[in-house]
Amino acid sequence: MLWPLAAGAVTCRDETWEGNRYSICEVDPSAEDLELFLYDPGGAPYGDFTTLEARLASKGKRLAFAMNAGMYHEDRAPVGHYLEDGQEIMRVIPNAGPGNFGLLPNGVFCLADGRAEVVETLEYQRRRDDLGCRDATQSGPMLVIDGELHPRFLPDSTSRYIRNGVGTTAEGDRAVFVISRSAVTFHDFASVFRDMLDLPQALYFDGNVSRLYAPELGRADWGRPMGPIVAVVEDAAE
């Protein structure tokens, strides 16, 4: 079930589901400044939460929450579609391909004014003008599509990783970010969004680079440099 959010709040908690441990952060996009970040003004990728924090501090801002938000190449350029503040940095990739990203259907996490939606890629292409996304990041595979788990996920899979992703409500009024605290299968991870959180759409972000910044949980993960980052930004005085 979804927990109610206080006005203007990011709420994070640790949960156990079906024997696996997860950290869950819920955001109301109508009350919070939820944004995507990739490159600094000089064109260098932020790569970690500390660098992004320093940039925000110089503008009188601070991080309230952050997570890696999509797959990327060695130079940290996004593998799929990436849109930031209305500027398209990478086009939509609609076709199947290698790796988890190309395991169709994949999807796009779209941030519009007051709304956040996970949308299957081909639907995103059809509805792009109507969606009005200010920021968007493509990743894959989809975890939950219209209330159903991705058809390729196997309950008896032995492939286990730390994994992270995002799910949204049908109305786009809640974005729920989840990172596993133990290695889990795709089937296990997707079931959190559908069966525990009751979310109709959910998208996988990564399984080799899964990072969370959540002061409420005492987490500011570090490690291998990241590509796209999704974050809630607040005024430093708040």
Protein backbone atom coordinates (compact mmCIF):
# COMPACT_ATOMS: atom_id res chain seq x y z
CA MET A 1 0.00 0.00 0.00
CA LEU A 2 1.05 3.63 -0.51
CA TRP A 3 1.72 5.65 2.60
CA PRO A 4 0.19 9.15 2.75
CA LEU A 5 2.65 11.97 2.12
CA ALA A 6 2.81 15.13 4.15
CA ALA A 7 2.50 18.24 2.03
CA GLY A 8 5.83 19.10 0.46
CA ALA A 9 7.52 15.97 1.82
CA VAL A 10 9.76 13.19 0.60
CA THR A 11 9.14 10.17 2.80
CA CYS A 12 11.57 7.27 2.97
CA ARG A 13 11.40 4.00 4.87
CA ASP A 14 12.90 0.51 4.99
CA GLU A 15 10.59 -2.42 4.34
CA THR A 16 10.78 -6.21 4.06
CA TRP A 17 8.72 -7.96 1.37
CA GLU A 18 8.68 -11.70 0.71
CA GLY A 19 11.90 -12.12 2.68
CA ASN A 20 13.85 -9.39 0.87
CA ARG A 21 14.79 -5.95 2.19
CA TYR A 22 14.09 -2.67 0.38
CA SER A 23 14.42 1.08 0.86
CA ILE A 24 11.43 3.02 -0.47
CA CYS A 25 11.08 6.76 -1.05
CA GLU A 26 7.81 8.40 -2.11
CA VAL A 27 7.57 11.80 -3.76
CA ASP A 28 4.59 14.00 -4.57
CA PRO A 29 5.63 15.73 -7.83
CA SER A 30 3.03 18.45 -7.36
CA ALA A 31 4.63 19.48 -4.07
CA GLU A 32 8.31 18.75 -4.68
CA ASP A 33 10.89 19.95 -7.21
CA LEU A 34 11.67 16.60 -8.86
CA GLU A 35 14.31 16.92 -11.60
CA LEU A 36 16.83 15.01 -13.72
CA PHE A 37 20.52 15.86 -13.77
CA LEU A 38 23.33 14.63 -16.04
CA TYR A 39 25.88 17.30 -17.02
CA ASP A 40 27.13 20.33 -15.13
CA PRO A 41 27.21 23.76 -16.88
CA GLY A 42 30.69 22.96 -18.23
CA GLY A 43 29.47 19.77 -19.89
CA ALA A 44 31.01 17.29 -17.44
CA PRO A 45 28.77 14.56 -15.99
CA TYR A 46 28.03 14.99 -12.30
CA GLY A 47 28.70 11.30 -11.69
CA ASP A 48 27.99 11.27 -7.96
CA PHE A 49 25.79 12.84 -5.33
CA THR A 50 28.61 14.87 -3.75
CA THR A 51 29.38 16.75 -6.96
CA LEU A 52 25.70 17.46 -7.56
CA GLU A 53 25.32 18.62 -3.96
CA ALA A 54 28.19 21.08 -4.38
CA ARG A 55 26.65 22.52 -7.54
CA LEU A 56 23.27 22.95 -5.88
CA ALA A 57 24.83 24.54 -2.79
CA SER A 58 26.40 27.22 -5.01
CA LYS A 59 22.85 28.13 -6.06
CA GLY A 60 21.41 28.13 -2.53
CA LYS A 61 19.83 24.71 -3.02
CA ARG A 62 20.23 21.27 -1.46
CA LEU A 63 19.38 17.65 -2.15
CA ALA A 64 16.46 16.13 -0.28
CA PHE A 65 16.55 12.84 -2.21
CA ALA A 66 18.43 11.37 -5.19
CA MET A 67 18.85 8.11 -7.10
CA ASN A 68 20.59 6.94 -10.27
CA ALA A 69 18.03 7.11 -13.08
CA GLY A 70 18.92 5.18 -16.20
CA MET A 71 21.59 3.21 -18.02
CA TYR A 72 24.59 4.86 -19.62
CA HIS A 73 27.76 4.32 -21.65
CA GLU A 74 31.35 4.42 -20.36
CA ASP A 75 31.45 8.19 -20.92
CA ARG A 76 28.21 8.36 -18.89
CA ALA A 77 26.14 9.45 -21.88
CA PRO A 78 22.64 7.95 -21.64
CA VAL A 79 21.93 4.71 -23.51
CA GLY A 80 18.37 5.76 -24.33
CA HIS A 81 16.20 8.83 -24.58
CA TYR A 82 17.16 11.65 -22.25
CA LEU A 83 15.45 15.02 -21.91
CA GLU A 84 16.46 17.65 -19.36
CA ASP A 85 14.73 20.98 -18.89
CA GLY A 86 13.18 20.63 -22.34
CA GLN A 87 16.48 19.88 -24.11
CA GLU A 88 16.77 16.48 -25.81
CA ILE A 89 20.23 15.03 -25.26
CA MET A 90 19.47 11.54 -26.60
CA ARG A 91 16.70 10.37 -28.93
CA VAL A 92 14.19 7.60 -28.17
CA ILE A 93 15.47 4.05 -28.83
CA PRO A 94 12.33 2.01 -29.70
CA ASN A 95 13.86 -1.25 -30.92
CA ALA A 96 15.02 -4.38 -29.09
CA GLY A 97 18.70 -4.78 -28.30
CA PRO A 98 21.22 -6.44 -26.02
CA GLY A 99 21.15 -6.31 -22.25
CA ASN A 100 18.38 -5.30 -19.88
CA PHE A 101 17.73 -1.99 -21.65
CA GLY A 102 16.79 -3.81 -24.87
CA LEU A 103 14.51 -6.35 -23.15
CA LEU A 104 11.25 -4.99 -24.54
CA PRO A 105 8.99 -3.53 -23.44
CA ASN A 106 11.14 -0.83 -21.90
CA GLY A 107 9.92 2.59 -20.87
CA VAL A 108 10.38 6.26 -20.11
CA PHE A 109 10.13 8.08 -16.78
CA CYS A 110 8.52 11.42 -17.63
CA LEU A 111 8.48 14.48 -15.38
CA ALA A 112 5.93 17.14 -16.31
CA ASP A 113 4.57 20.08 -14.33
CA GLY A 114 3.14 18.59 -11.14
CA ARG A 115 3.12 15.05 -12.53
CA ALA A 116 5.40 12.01 -12.89
CA GLU A 117 4.63 9.04 -15.13
CA VAL A 118 6.24 5.80 -16.21
CA VAL A 119 5.22 5.21 -19.82
CA GLU A 120 6.03 2.27 -22.11
CA THR A 121 8.36 3.49 -24.88
CA LEU A 122 6.07 3.04 -27.90
CA GLU A 123 3.21 4.67 -25.99
CA TYR A 124 5.55 7.50 -25.05
CA GLN A 125 6.31 8.08 -28.72
CA ARG A 126 2.59 8.19 -29.54
CA ARG A 127 1.69 10.49 -26.61
CA ARG A 128 4.85 12.56 -26.36
CA ASP A 129 3.28 15.89 -27.32
CA ASP A 130 0.36 15.35 -24.95
CA LEU A 131 2.55 14.22 -22.04
CA GLY A 132 4.42 17.53 -21.98
CA CYS A 133 7.53 16.08 -20.34
CA ARG A 134 10.03 18.65 -19.10
CA ASP A 135 12.51 15.91 -18.14
CA ALA A 136 12.54 12.28 -19.29
CA THR A 137 14.85 9.28 -19.02
CA GLN A 138 14.48 5.99 -20.91
CA SER A 139 15.50 2.73 -19.27
CA GLY A 140 14.52 -0.89 -19.27
CA PRO A 141 12.99 -3.23 -18.93
CA MET A 142 9.58 -2.16 -17.72
CA LEU A 143 8.89 -3.92 -14.42
CA VAL A 144 5.10 -3.51 -14.39
CA ILE A 145 3.00 -2.71 -17.46
CA ASP A 146 -0.67 -1.86 -16.86
CA GLY A 147 -0.68 -3.92 -13.67
CA GLU A 148 1.12 -6.96 -15.15
CA LEU A 149 4.70 -8.06 -14.55
CA HIS A 150 7.06 -8.05 -17.53
CA PRO A 151 6.37 -11.33 -19.38
CA ARG A 152 10.02 -12.37 -19.41
CA PHE A 153 10.43 -12.38 -15.61
CA LEU A 154 10.71 -15.88 -14.13
CA PRO A 155 9.72 -16.69 -10.53
CA ASP A 156 12.54 -19.28 -10.30
CA SER A 157 15.30 -17.09 -11.80
CA THR A 158 18.73 -17.36 -10.18
CA SER A 159 19.96 -13.94 -11.43
CA ARG A 160 20.16 -11.75 -8.33
CA TYR A 161 21.48 -8.20 -8.01
CA ILE A 162 20.95 -5.08 -5.97
CA ARG A 163 18.33 -3.36 -8.14
CA ASN A 164 16.56 0.00 -8.27
CA GLY A 165 13.65 1.54 -10.14
CA VAL A 166 10.57 3.74 -10.00
CA GLY A 167 6.82 3.23 -10.11
CA THR A 168 3.99 5.71 -10.57
CA THR A 169 0.28 5.89 -9.96
CA ALA A 170 -2.21 6.01 -12.82
CA GLU A 171 -2.84 9.67 -12.04
CA GLY A 172 0.85 10.55 -11.99
CA ASP A 173 0.50 12.08 -8.53
CA ARG A 174 3.01 9.79 -6.79
CA ALA A 175 6.48 8.60 -7.78
CA VAL A 176 7.77 5.72 -5.65
CA PHE A 177 11.48 4.94 -5.84
CA VAL A 178 12.72 1.56 -4.63
CA ILE A 179 16.20 0.11 -4.14
CA SER A 180 16.79 -3.39 -2.84
CA ARG A 181 18.98 -3.82 0.22
CA SER A 182 19.71 -7.42 -0.69
CA ALA A 183 20.26 -9.11 -4.05
CA VAL A 184 16.92 -9.90 -5.72
CA THR A 185 15.58 -11.31 -8.98
CA PHE A 186 13.65 -9.23 -11.51
CA HIS A 187 10.48 -11.10 -10.55
CA ASP A 188 10.98 -10.36 -6.85
CA PHE A 189 11.76 -6.71 -7.53
CA ALA A 190 8.83 -6.12 -9.88
CA SER A 191 6.42 -7.73 -7.41
CA VAL A 192 7.24 -5.01 -4.86
CA PHE A 193 5.77 -2.39 -7.17
CA ARG A 194 2.72 -4.38 -8.23
CA ASP A 195 1.84 -6.41 -5.14
CA MET A 196 3.14 -4.40 -2.19
CA LEU A 197 2.84 -0.84 -3.54
CA ASP A 198 -0.12 -1.46 -5.88
CA LEU A 199 1.39 0.59 -8.71
CA PRO A 200 0.23 -0.04 -12.30
CA GLN A 201 3.46 1.09 -14.02
CA ALA A 202 7.08 0.63 -12.95
CA LEU A 203 10.47 0.96 -14.66
CA TYR A 204 13.86 -0.58 -13.95
CA PHE A 205 16.77 1.82 -13.57
CA ASP A 206 19.80 -0.44 -13.01
CA GLY A 207 21.29 -3.43 -11.25
CA ASN A 208 25.02 -2.84 -11.39
CA VAL A 209 24.94 0.80 -10.36
CA SER A 210 22.20 1.31 -7.79
CA ARG A 211 22.66 4.33 -5.53
CA LEU A 212 20.43 6.19 -3.07
CA TYR A 213 20.71 9.55 -1.37
CA ALA A 214 18.19 9.65 1.47
CA PRO A 215 19.18 11.63 4.59
CA GLU A 216 16.10 10.27 6.37
CA LEU A 217 17.67 6.79 6.12
CA GLY A 218 21.24 7.97 6.66
CA ARG A 219 22.21 7.05 3.10
CA ALA A 220 24.48 8.87 0.69
CA ASP A 221 25.75 5.94 -1.40
CA TRP A 222 28.99 6.19 -3.33
CA GLY A 223 30.85 3.94 -5.76
CA ARG A 224 31.13 3.62 -9.52
CA PRO A 225 30.28 6.96 -11.26
CA MET A 226 26.68 7.34 -12.38
CA GLY A 227 25.00 8.73 -15.48
CA PRO A 228 21.54 10.31 -15.12
CA ILE A 229 20.40 11.22 -11.60
CA VAL A 230 16.86 11.95 -10.44
CA ALA A 231 16.62 14.26 -7.45
CA VAL A 232 14.35 16.32 -5.27
CA VAL A 233 15.83 19.79 -4.82
CA GLU A 234 14.94 22.20 -2.02
CA ASP A 235 15.97 25.68 -0.98
CA ALA A 236 18.86 25.40 1.45
CA ALA A 237 16.96 27.54 3.95
CA GLU A 238 14.08 25.03 4.21
